[in-house]
């Protein structure tokens, strides 16, 4: 019974990790889109790339 509970918990953590990773990927993609869209103001583009760097940095650590 304990093995089943442990397996369920591990599966739940893995599923949460996958969902979290998908959310982060969407955020990074949207920040890249803001950066690539040349008609945005320079300030918005710099803020977007700064957010991208900090988000990516937090993933890697």
PDB file of N, CA and C in Angstrom:
ATOM      1  N   UNK A   1       0.822  -1.190   0.000  1.00  0.00           N
ATOM      2  CA  UNK A   1       0.000   0.000   0.000  1.00  0.00           C
ATOM      3  C   UNK A   1       0.867   1.256   0.000  1.00  0.00           C
ATOM      4  N   UNK A   2       1.949   1.239   0.781  1.00  0.00           N
ATOM      5  CA  UNK A   2       2.837   2.396   0.840  1.00  0.00           C
ATOM      6  C   UNK A   2       3.505   2.653  -0.504  1.00  0.00           C
ATOM      7  N   UNK A   3       3.823   1.579  -1.226  1.00  0.00           N
ATOM      8  CA  UNK A   3       4.454   1.730  -2.534  1.00  0.00           C
ATOM      9  C   UNK A   3       3.507   2.422  -3.509  1.00  0.00           C
ATOM     10  N   UNK A   4       2.244   2.090  -3.422  1.00  0.00           N
ATOM     11  CA  UNK A   4       1.248   2.707  -4.300  1.00  0.00           C
ATOM     12  C   UNK A   4       1.128   4.194  -4.003  1.00  0.00           C
ATOM     13  N   UNK A   5       1.114   4.551  -2.740  1.00  0.00           N
ATOM     14  CA  UNK A   5       1.015   5.955  -2.356  1.00  0.00           C
ATOM     15  C   UNK A   5       2.243   6.722  -2.838  1.00  0.00           C
ATOM     16  N   UNK A   6       3.413   6.128  -2.680  1.00  0.00           N
ATOM     17  CA  UNK A   6       4.644   6.775  -3.132  1.00  0.00           C
ATOM     18  C   UNK A   6       4.613   6.958  -4.647  1.00  0.00           C
ATOM     19  N   UNK A   7       4.163   5.941  -5.366  1.00  0.00           N
ATOM     20  CA  UNK A   7       4.077   6.050  -6.822  1.00  0.00           C
ATOM     21  C   UNK A   7       3.096   7.138  -7.244  1.00  0.00           C
ATOM     22  N   UNK A   8       1.967   7.228  -6.569  1.00  0.00           N
ATOM     23  CA  UNK A   8       0.980   8.262  -6.876  1.00  0.00           C
ATOM     24  C   UNK A   8       1.562   9.651  -6.613  1.00  0.00           C
ATOM     25  N   UNK A   9       2.261   9.793  -5.495  1.00  0.00           N
ATOM     26  CA  UNK A   9       2.888  11.080  -5.181  1.00  0.00           C
ATOM     27  C   UNK A   9       3.951  11.449  -6.212  1.00  0.00           C
ATOM     28  N   UNK A  10       4.773  10.496  -6.603  1.00  0.00           N
ATOM     29  CA  UNK A  10       5.802  10.766  -7.604  1.00  0.00           C
ATOM     30  C   UNK A  10       5.187  11.131  -8.949  1.00  0.00           C
ATOM     31  N   UNK A  11       4.125  10.440  -9.330  1.00  0.00           N
ATOM     32  CA  UNK A  11       3.437  10.756 -10.578  1.00  0.00           C
ATOM     33  C   UNK A  11       2.859  12.162 -10.509  1.00  0.00           C
ATOM     34  N   UNK A  12       2.257  12.504  -9.371  1.00  0.00           N
ATOM     35  CA  UNK A  12       1.689  13.840  -9.191  1.00  0.00           C
ATOM     36  C   UNK A  12       2.750  14.925  -9.290  1.00  0.00           C
ATOM     37  N   UNK A  13       3.908  14.697  -8.687  1.00  0.00           N
ATOM     38  CA  UNK A  13       4.991  15.668  -8.765  1.00  0.00           C
ATOM     39  C   UNK A  13       5.515  15.806 -10.188  1.00  0.00           C
ATOM     40  N   UNK A  14       5.618  14.693 -10.882  1.00  0.00           N
ATOM     41  CA  UNK A  14       6.086  14.726 -12.272  1.00  0.00           C
ATOM     42  C   UNK A  14       5.093  15.478 -13.144  1.00  0.00           C
ATOM     43  N   UNK A  15       3.797  15.228 -12.946  1.00  0.00           N
ATOM     44  CA  UNK A  15       2.760  15.911 -13.715  1.00  0.00           C
ATOM     45  C   UNK A  15       2.809  17.406 -13.437  1.00  0.00           C
ATOM     46  N   UNK A  16       2.969  17.776 -12.166  1.00  0.00           N
ATOM     47  CA  UNK A  16       3.053  19.189 -11.805  1.00  0.00           C
ATOM     48  C   UNK A  16       4.263  19.824 -12.471  1.00  0.00           C
ATOM     49  N   UNK A  17       5.366  19.112 -12.502  1.00  0.00           N
ATOM     50  CA  UNK A  17       6.584  19.612 -13.131  1.00  0.00           C
ATOM     51  C   UNK A  17       6.369  19.855 -14.622  1.00  0.00           C
ATOM     52  N   UNK A  18       5.675  18.950 -15.282  1.00  0.00           N
ATOM     53  CA  UNK A  18       5.402  19.094 -16.713  1.00  0.00           C
ATOM     54  C   UNK A  18       4.521  20.308 -16.965  1.00  0.00           C
ATOM     55  N   UNK A  19       3.472  20.467 -16.167  1.00  0.00           N
ATOM     56  CA  UNK A  19       2.561  21.595 -16.333  1.00  0.00           C
ATOM     57  C   UNK A  19       3.299  22.901 -16.075  1.00  0.00           C
ATOM     58  N   UNK A  20       4.110  22.938 -15.019  1.00  0.00           N
ATOM     59  CA  UNK A  20       4.878  24.142 -14.691  1.00  0.00           C
ATOM     60  C   UNK A  20       5.827  24.485 -15.829  1.00  0.00           C
ATOM     61  N   UNK A  21       6.477  23.487 -16.380  1.00  0.00           N
ATOM     62  CA  UNK A  21       7.418  23.718 -17.486  1.00  0.00           C
ATOM     63  C   UNK A  21       6.697  24.282 -18.707  1.00  0.00           C
ATOM     64  N   UNK A  22       5.486  23.798 -18.979  1.00  0.00           N
ATOM     65  CA  UNK A  22       4.722  24.314 -20.110  1.00  0.00           C
ATOM     66  C   UNK A  22       4.354  25.773 -19.892  1.00  0.00           C
ATOM     67  N   UNK A  23       3.999  26.135 -18.667  1.00  0.00           N
ATOM     68  CA  UNK A  23       3.676  27.525 -18.364  1.00  0.00           C
ATOM     69  C   UNK A  23       4.898  28.417 -18.546  1.00  0.00           C
ATOM     70  N   UNK A  24       6.045  27.955 -18.095  1.00  0.00           N
ATOM     71  CA  UNK A  24       7.284  28.720 -18.253  1.00  0.00           C
ATOM     72  C   UNK A  24       7.628  28.873 -19.734  1.00  0.00           C
ATOM     73  N   UNK A  25       7.467  27.804 -20.503  1.00  0.00           N
ATOM     74  CA  UNK A  25       7.746  27.875 -21.941  1.00  0.00           C
ATOM     75  C   UNK A  25       6.850  28.910 -22.621  1.00  0.00           C
ATOM     76  N   UNK A  26       5.571  28.937 -22.250  1.00  0.00           N
ATOM     77  CA  UNK A  26       4.647  29.928 -22.819  1.00  0.00           C
ATOM     78  C   UNK A  26       5.084  31.342 -22.465  1.00  0.00           C
ATOM     79  N   UNK A  27       5.489  31.539 -21.212  1.00  0.00           N
ATOM     80  CA  UNK A  27       5.937  32.865 -20.775  1.00  0.00           C
ATOM     81  C   UNK A  27       7.174  33.292 -21.546  1.00  0.00           C
ATOM     82  N   UNK A  28       8.144  32.389 -21.684  1.00  0.00           N
ATOM     83  CA  UNK A  28       9.359  32.719 -22.425  1.00  0.00           C
ATOM     84  C   UNK A  28       9.050  33.027 -23.885  1.00  0.00           C
ATOM     85  N   UNK A  29       8.159  32.249 -24.483  1.00  0.00           N
ATOM     86  CA  UNK A  29       7.769  32.498 -25.875  1.00  0.00           C
ATOM     87  C   UNK A  29       7.119  33.866 -26.042  1.00  0.00           C
ATOM     88  N   UNK A  30       6.245  34.224 -25.110  1.00  0.00           N
ATOM     89  CA  UNK A  30       5.580  35.527 -25.231  1.00  0.00           C
ATOM     90  C   UNK A  30       6.566  36.670 -25.034  1.00  0.00           C
ATOM     91  N   UNK A  31       7.549  36.494 -24.149  1.00  0.00           N
ATOM     92  CA  UNK A  31       8.562  37.534 -23.964  1.00  0.00           C
ATOM     93  C   UNK A  31       9.435  37.679 -25.209  1.00  0.00           C
ATOM     94  N   UNK A  32       9.733  36.574 -25.859  1.00  0.00           N
ATOM     95  CA  UNK A  32      10.505  36.631 -27.108  1.00  0.00           C
ATOM     96  C   UNK A  32       9.699  37.344 -28.190  1.00  0.00           C
ATOM     97  N   UNK A  33       8.390  37.088 -28.246  1.00  0.00           N
ATOM     98  CA  UNK A  33       7.542  37.764 -29.225  1.00  0.00           C
ATOM     99  C   UNK A  33       7.546  39.272 -29.007  1.00  0.00           C
ATOM    100  N   UNK A  34       7.475  39.699 -27.751  1.00  0.00           N
ATOM    101  CA  UNK A  34       7.526  41.137 -27.456  1.00  0.00           C
ATOM    102  C   UNK A  34       8.855  41.706 -27.931  1.00  0.00           C
ATOM    103  N   UNK A  35       9.938  40.999 -27.669  1.00  0.00           N
ATOM    104  CA  UNK A  35      11.261  41.465 -28.085  1.00  0.00           C
ATOM    105  C   UNK A  35      11.356  41.553 -29.603  1.00  0.00           C
ATOM    106  N   UNK A  36      10.843  40.562 -30.309  1.00  0.00           N
ATOM    107  CA  UNK A  36      10.969  40.517 -31.770  1.00  0.00           C
ATOM    108  C   UNK A  36      10.051  41.496 -32.491  1.00  0.00           C
ATOM    109  N   UNK A  37       8.988  41.937 -31.847  1.00  0.00           N
ATOM    110  CA  UNK A  37       8.030  42.852 -32.479  1.00  0.00           C
ATOM    111  C   UNK A  37       8.621  44.259 -32.457  1.00  0.00           C
ATOM    112  N   UNK A  38       9.181  44.669 -33.578  1.00  0.00           N
ATOM    113  CA  UNK A  38       9.971  45.903 -33.661  1.00  0.00           C
ATOM    114  C   UNK A  38       9.154  47.170 -33.413  1.00  0.00           C
ATOM    115  N   UNK A  39       7.848  47.142 -33.602  1.00  0.00           N
ATOM    116  CA  UNK A  39       7.067  48.359 -33.413  1.00  0.00           C
ATOM    117  C   UNK A  39       6.754  48.635 -31.940  1.00  0.00           C
ATOM    118  N   UNK A  40       7.096  47.688 -31.040  1.00  0.00           N
ATOM    119  CA  UNK A  40       6.969  47.972 -29.607  1.00  0.00           C
ATOM    120  C   UNK A  40       7.977  49.044 -29.215  1.00  0.00           C
ATOM    121  N   UNK A  41       7.637  49.779 -28.171  1.00  0.00           N
ATOM    122  CA  UNK A  41       8.587  50.767 -27.678  1.00  0.00           C
ATOM    123  C   UNK A  41       9.836  50.058 -27.174  1.00  0.00           C
ATOM    124  N   UNK A  42      10.946  50.768 -27.245  1.00  0.00           N
ATOM    125  CA  UNK A  42      12.212  50.181 -26.804  1.00  0.00           C
ATOM    126  C   UNK A  42      12.164  49.779 -25.338  1.00  0.00           C
ATOM    127  N   UNK A  43      11.491  50.583 -24.527  1.00  0.00           N
ATOM    128  CA  UNK A  43      11.398  50.273 -23.098  1.00  0.00           C
ATOM    129  C   UNK A  43      10.687  48.940 -22.882  1.00  0.00           C
ATOM    130  N   UNK A  44       9.592  48.718 -23.585  1.00  0.00           N
ATOM    131  CA  UNK A  44       8.850  47.461 -23.452  1.00  0.00           C
ATOM    132  C   UNK A  44       9.692  46.280 -23.909  1.00  0.00           C
ATOM    133  N   UNK A  45      10.462  46.479 -24.963  1.00  0.00           N
ATOM    134  CA  UNK A  45      11.313  45.404 -25.460  1.00  0.00           C
ATOM    135  C   UNK A  45      12.420  45.060 -24.473  1.00  0.00           C
ATOM    136  N   UNK A  46      13.026  46.089 -23.874  1.00  0.00           N
ATOM    137  CA  UNK A  46      14.097  45.846 -22.900  1.00  0.00           C
ATOM    138  C   UNK A  46      13.537  45.176 -21.651  1.00  0.00           C
ATOM    139  N   UNK A  47      12.375  45.606 -21.202  1.00  0.00           N
ATOM    140  CA  UNK A  47      11.734  44.968 -20.038  1.00  0.00           C
ATOM    141  C   UNK A  47      11.447  43.502 -20.346  1.00  0.00           C
ATOM    142  N   UNK A  48      10.973  43.223 -21.556  1.00  0.00           N
ATOM    143  CA  UNK A  48      10.667  41.840 -21.945  1.00  0.00           C
ATOM    144  C   UNK A  48      11.918  40.973 -21.942  1.00  0.00           C
ATOM    145  N   UNK A  49      13.011  41.480 -22.491  1.00  0.00           N
ATOM    146  CA  UNK A  49      14.226  40.663 -22.527  1.00  0.00           C
ATOM    147  C   UNK A  49      14.812  40.511 -21.135  1.00  0.00           C
ATOM    148  N   UNK A  50      14.671  41.528 -20.301  1.00  0.00           N
ATOM    149  CA  UNK A  50      15.116  41.430 -18.912  1.00  0.00           C
ATOM    150  C   UNK A  50      14.309  40.358 -18.168  1.00  0.00           C
ATOM    151  N   UNK A  51      12.987  40.365 -18.341  1.00  0.00           N
ATOM    152  CA  UNK A  51      12.142  39.345 -17.730  1.00  0.00           C
ATOM    153  C   UNK A  51      12.513  37.951 -18.240  1.00  0.00           C
ATOM    154  N   UNK A  52      12.810  37.871 -19.533  1.00  0.00           N
ATOM    155  CA  UNK A  52      13.214  36.592 -20.117  1.00  0.00           C
ATOM    156  C   UNK A  52      14.479  36.076 -19.434  1.00  0.00           C
ATOM    157  N   UNK A  53      15.461  36.948 -19.296  1.00  0.00           N
ATOM    158  CA  UNK A  53      16.740  36.544 -18.690  1.00  0.00           C
ATOM    159  C   UNK A  53      16.536  36.071 -17.258  1.00  0.00           C
ATOM    160  N   UNK A  54      15.768  36.826 -16.458  1.00  0.00           N
ATOM    161  CA  UNK A  54      15.549  36.445 -15.065  1.00  0.00           C
ATOM    162  C   UNK A  54      14.736  35.163 -14.948  1.00  0.00           C
ATOM    163  N   UNK A  55      13.752  34.979 -15.819  1.00  0.00           N
ATOM    164  CA  UNK A  55      12.950  33.749 -15.789  1.00  0.00           C
ATOM    165  C   UNK A  55      13.826  32.555 -16.151  1.00  0.00           C
ATOM    166  N   UNK A  56      14.606  32.699 -17.210  1.00  0.00           N
ATOM    167  CA  UNK A  56      15.490  31.605 -17.638  1.00  0.00           C
ATOM    168  C   UNK A  56      16.532  31.302 -16.560  1.00  0.00           C
ATOM    169  N   UNK A  57      17.064  32.348 -15.949  1.00  0.00           N
ATOM    170  CA  UNK A  57      18.060  32.169 -14.892  1.00  0.00           C
ATOM    171  C   UNK A  57      17.485  31.372 -13.723  1.00  0.00           C
ATOM    172  N   UNK A  58      16.248  31.655 -13.375  1.00  0.00           N
ATOM    173  CA  UNK A  58      15.614  30.933 -12.267  1.00  0.00           C
ATOM    174  C   UNK A  58      15.334  29.471 -12.608  1.00  0.00           C
ATOM    175  N   UNK A  59      15.139  29.178 -13.875  1.00  0.00           N
ATOM    176  CA  UNK A  59      14.924  27.788 -14.295  1.00  0.00           C
ATOM    177  C   UNK A  59      16.221  27.007 -14.181  1.00  0.00           C
ATOM    178  N   UNK A  60      17.307  27.604 -14.618  1.00  0.00           N
ATOM    179  CA  UNK A  60      18.598  26.917 -14.689  1.00  0.00           C
ATOM    180  C   UNK A  60      19.137  26.635 -13.280  1.00  0.00           C
ATOM    181  N   UNK A  61      18.900  27.531 -12.343  1.00  0.00           N
ATOM    182  CA  UNK A  61      19.435  27.333 -11.002  1.00  0.00           C
ATOM    183  C   UNK A  61      18.801  26.212 -10.342  1.00  0.00           C
TER     184      UNK A  61
END
